[in-house]
């Protein structure tokens, strides 16, 4: 394994600050205590080198020596395999962590992201809004049943919790957890962790420095 370099944008508008997905990676790196540095690419001009690392022109990506990894889920999985602070060493623990990591992306974020975008852009009167509300409510109902019975998703705190908590954060931003107390309490536990606080503060400072 080589030096870890996290690449994100040099600047973003104020509205998405604190929610850009390099935060997931910063959080994991801080939890694991892995040394890393942050590099930047232009937000407004995305060139060929950017697309060579991230074919959709997004961020983040992580380089680990000669390896370049894009998509936050893939990056968290890679880091989990590097540190038992992010994923248990035993086979069952690793399996549980992986399934909940993918559940956060494929089952919860698949429902939450359209709902969040409708709220972000103020599409409150759209005819599709009720369908999105119902879809998200159903997903949160299932998460309530899980989180009412456990502190963390896969035993000890893991990359699965980093991903799930960060998926829940924008829902909470628009009061979408008002009727989901177990989800709300779980999110509060996760974001009270010092590693999250540092990751969030570092991201905010990174973008503010370019203003």
Protein backbone atom coordinates (compact mmCIF):
# COMPACT_ATOMS: atom_id res chain seq x y z
CA UNK A 1 0.00 0.00 0.00
CA UNK A 2 1.16 3.54 -0.72
CA UNK A 3 0.46 7.07 0.38
CA UNK A 4 -3.23 7.92 0.64
CA UNK A 5 -4.38 10.99 -1.28
CA UNK A 6 -8.01 12.10 -1.20
CA UNK A 7 -9.03 14.30 -4.12
CA UNK A 8 -12.01 16.62 -3.96
CA UNK A 9 -13.07 19.89 -5.56
CA UNK A 10 -11.16 23.08 -4.85
CA UNK A 11 -14.45 24.91 -4.16
CA UNK A 12 -18.21 24.32 -4.19
CA UNK A 13 -21.15 26.71 -3.60
CA UNK A 14 -22.27 27.16 -0.01
CA UNK A 15 -25.42 25.01 -0.20
CA UNK A 16 -23.72 21.61 -0.59
CA UNK A 17 -20.84 22.30 1.77
CA UNK A 18 -20.75 19.73 4.52
CA UNK A 19 -22.50 17.22 2.26
CA UNK A 20 -19.95 16.66 -0.51
CA UNK A 21 -19.07 12.98 -0.46
CA UNK A 22 -15.39 13.38 0.20
CA UNK A 23 -16.64 13.79 3.78
CA UNK A 24 -17.39 10.04 3.90
CA UNK A 25 -13.79 9.30 3.06
CA UNK A 26 -12.36 11.93 5.40
CA UNK A 27 -14.48 10.46 8.19
CA UNK A 28 -13.26 6.92 7.55
CA UNK A 29 -9.63 8.01 7.38
CA UNK A 30 -9.99 9.90 10.66
CA UNK A 31 -11.69 6.94 12.37
CA UNK A 32 -8.91 4.61 11.26
CA UNK A 33 -6.11 7.05 12.04
CA UNK A 34 -4.64 6.54 8.59
CA UNK A 35 -2.35 9.35 7.40
CA UNK A 36 -3.53 11.08 4.24
CA UNK A 37 -3.40 14.34 2.37
CA UNK A 38 -6.04 16.20 0.41
CA UNK A 39 -5.63 17.28 -3.22
CA UNK A 40 -7.96 19.45 -5.28
CA UNK A 41 -9.34 19.63 -8.80
CA UNK A 42 -11.19 22.62 -10.26
CA UNK A 43 -14.94 22.66 -9.70
CA UNK A 44 -15.65 24.78 -12.77
CA UNK A 45 -13.22 23.24 -15.27
CA UNK A 46 -13.09 19.45 -15.27
CA UNK A 47 -10.35 18.26 -17.56
CA UNK A 48 -9.13 15.00 -18.97
CA UNK A 49 -7.11 13.98 -15.91
CA UNK A 50 -10.19 14.42 -13.73
CA UNK A 51 -12.26 12.15 -15.99
CA UNK A 52 -9.43 9.63 -16.10
CA UNK A 53 -9.82 9.17 -12.34
CA UNK A 54 -13.60 9.75 -12.08
CA UNK A 55 -15.43 9.05 -15.36
CA UNK A 56 -18.50 11.07 -14.31
CA UNK A 57 -16.55 14.20 -13.44
CA UNK A 58 -17.48 13.94 -9.77
CA UNK A 59 -15.55 13.64 -6.50
CA UNK A 60 -14.08 12.10 -4.49
CA UNK A 61 -11.48 9.65 -5.56
CA UNK A 62 -8.68 8.11 -3.51
CA UNK A 63 -5.24 7.12 -4.64
CA UNK A 64 -3.45 4.45 -2.64
CA UNK A 65 -0.02 4.20 -4.17
CA UNK A 66 -0.61 3.13 -7.78
CA UNK A 67 -4.30 2.36 -7.16
CA UNK A 68 -6.95 4.98 -7.98
CA UNK A 69 -10.47 4.34 -6.67
CA UNK A 70 -13.65 6.32 -7.34
CA UNK A 71 -17.16 6.05 -5.83
CA UNK A 72 -17.43 6.61 -2.09
CA UNK A 73 -18.76 3.12 -1.43
CA UNK A 74 -15.82 1.48 -3.18
CA UNK A 75 -13.41 3.75 -1.33
CA UNK A 76 -14.94 2.93 2.06
CA UNK A 77 -14.79 -0.77 1.28
CA UNK A 78 -11.11 -0.42 0.33
CA UNK A 79 -10.34 1.41 3.56
CA UNK A 80 -12.32 -1.13 5.56
CA UNK A 81 -10.07 -3.83 4.20
CA UNK A 82 -7.07 -1.83 5.43
CA UNK A 83 -8.23 -1.23 8.99
CA UNK A 84 -10.09 -3.30 11.58
CA UNK A 85 -11.29 0.01 13.05
CA UNK A 86 -13.48 0.26 9.94
CA UNK A 87 -14.41 -3.39 9.35
CA UNK A 88 -14.11 -6.40 11.68
CA UNK A 89 -11.49 -9.04 10.96
CA UNK A 90 -13.81 -12.04 11.32
CA UNK A 91 -15.65 -13.39 8.30
CA UNK A 92 -19.18 -12.85 9.68
CA UNK A 93 -18.38 -9.30 10.76
CA UNK A 94 -16.93 -8.46 7.37
CA UNK A 95 -19.97 -9.92 5.61
CA UNK A 96 -22.38 -7.97 7.85
CA UNK A 97 -20.47 -4.75 7.27
CA UNK A 98 -20.44 -5.17 3.50
CA UNK A 99 -24.14 -5.93 3.23
CA UNK A 100 -25.10 -2.86 5.26
CA UNK A 101 -22.68 -0.68 3.32
CA UNK A 102 -24.44 -1.67 0.12
CA UNK A 103 -27.87 -1.41 1.74
CA UNK A 104 -27.14 2.22 2.60
CA UNK A 105 -26.41 2.93 -1.05
CA UNK A 106 -28.85 0.66 -2.88
CA UNK A 107 -31.86 0.54 -0.55
CA UNK A 108 -31.82 3.79 1.43
CA UNK A 109 -29.99 6.33 -0.74
CA UNK A 110 -31.84 5.09 -3.83
CA UNK A 111 -35.02 6.28 -2.10
CA UNK A 112 -33.61 9.32 -0.34
CA UNK A 113 -31.65 11.03 -3.10
CA UNK A 114 -34.63 11.87 -5.38
CA UNK A 115 -36.55 13.05 -2.30
CA UNK A 116 -33.64 15.22 -1.17
CA UNK A 117 -33.22 16.72 -4.64
CA UNK A 118 -36.93 17.59 -4.84
CA UNK A 119 -36.59 19.40 -1.50
CA UNK A 120 -33.31 21.03 -2.43
CA UNK A 121 -34.78 22.55 -5.59
CA UNK A 122 -38.15 23.33 -4.01
CA UNK A 123 -40.29 20.98 -6.10
CA UNK A 124 -42.85 20.67 -3.32
CA UNK A 125 -45.92 20.73 -5.58
CA UNK A 126 -44.73 18.14 -8.09
CA UNK A 127 -47.23 15.32 -8.80
CA UNK A 128 -44.39 12.84 -8.17
CA UNK A 129 -43.82 14.17 -4.67
CA UNK A 130 -46.29 11.85 -2.91
CA UNK A 131 -44.71 8.81 -4.52
CA UNK A 132 -41.28 9.93 -3.35
CA UNK A 133 -42.59 10.63 0.15
CA UNK A 134 -44.15 7.17 0.36
CA UNK A 135 -41.05 5.42 -0.99
CA UNK A 136 -38.76 7.10 1.51
CA UNK A 137 -41.21 6.54 4.38
CA UNK A 138 -41.25 2.81 3.63
CA UNK A 139 -37.46 2.59 3.59
CA UNK A 140 -37.19 4.52 6.87
CA UNK A 141 -39.81 2.27 8.44
CA UNK A 142 -37.60 -0.74 7.76
CA UNK A 143 -34.55 1.09 9.12
CA UNK A 144 -36.49 2.02 12.27
CA UNK A 145 -37.08 -1.66 12.98
CA UNK A 146 -33.37 -2.39 12.63
CA UNK A 147 -31.96 0.58 14.51
CA UNK A 148 -34.39 0.28 17.42
CA UNK A 149 -32.54 -2.92 18.38
CA UNK A 150 -28.87 -2.05 17.90
CA UNK A 151 -26.33 0.68 18.43
CA UNK A 152 -24.47 0.13 15.17
CA UNK A 153 -25.39 -1.81 12.07
CA UNK A 154 -22.81 -4.60 12.03
CA UNK A 155 -21.67 -4.96 15.64
CA UNK A 156 -18.87 -2.41 16.21
CA UNK A 157 -18.89 0.95 14.44
CA UNK A 158 -17.80 0.44 10.83
CA UNK A 159 -17.77 1.87 7.32
CA UNK A 160 -21.38 0.69 7.08
CA UNK A 161 -22.30 3.25 9.75
CA UNK A 162 -20.30 5.99 8.05
CA UNK A 163 -22.21 5.36 4.84
CA UNK A 164 -25.65 4.97 6.42
CA UNK A 165 -25.25 8.03 8.63
CA UNK A 166 -24.11 10.15 5.72
CA UNK A 167 -27.09 8.96 3.67
CA UNK A 168 -29.41 9.95 6.52
CA UNK A 169 -27.85 13.40 7.03
CA UNK A 170 -29.46 15.16 4.03
CA UNK A 171 -32.80 13.56 4.88
CA UNK A 172 -32.55 15.07 8.34
CA UNK A 173 -31.58 18.43 6.82
CA UNK A 174 -35.11 18.61 5.37
CA UNK A 175 -36.79 17.18 8.54
CA UNK A 176 -37.33 13.81 6.91
CA UNK A 177 -36.49 11.93 10.12
CA UNK A 178 -39.14 13.69 12.20
CA UNK A 179 -41.19 10.48 12.45
CA UNK A 180 -38.20 8.14 12.65
CA UNK A 181 -36.80 8.48 16.19
CA UNK A 182 -34.49 5.45 16.03
CA UNK A 183 -32.94 6.74 12.80
CA UNK A 184 -32.61 10.21 14.30
CA UNK A 185 -30.95 8.89 17.45
CA UNK A 186 -28.60 6.70 15.41
CA UNK A 187 -27.59 9.70 13.30
CA UNK A 188 -26.95 11.75 16.44
CA UNK A 189 -24.70 8.99 17.86
CA UNK A 190 -22.73 8.75 14.64
CA UNK A 191 -22.22 12.46 14.10
CA UNK A 192 -21.22 12.97 17.75
CA UNK A 193 -18.06 10.96 17.08
CA UNK A 194 -14.90 13.11 17.10
CA UNK A 195 -13.78 11.75 13.72
CA UNK A 196 -16.96 13.05 12.10
CA UNK A 197 -16.53 16.44 13.73
CA UNK A 198 -13.00 16.77 12.41
CA UNK A 199 -13.92 15.53 8.93
CA UNK A 200 -16.82 17.96 8.70
CA UNK A 201 -14.80 20.91 9.97
CA UNK A 202 -11.94 20.10 7.59
CA UNK A 203 -14.26 19.94 4.60
CA UNK A 204 -15.92 23.23 5.46
CA UNK A 205 -12.52 24.90 5.95
CA UNK A 206 -11.23 23.46 2.66
CA UNK A 207 -14.02 25.03 0.60
CA UNK A 208 -14.11 28.28 2.60
CA UNK A 209 -10.40 28.78 1.94
CA UNK A 210 -11.14 29.14 -1.78
CA UNK A 211 -13.83 31.84 -1.36
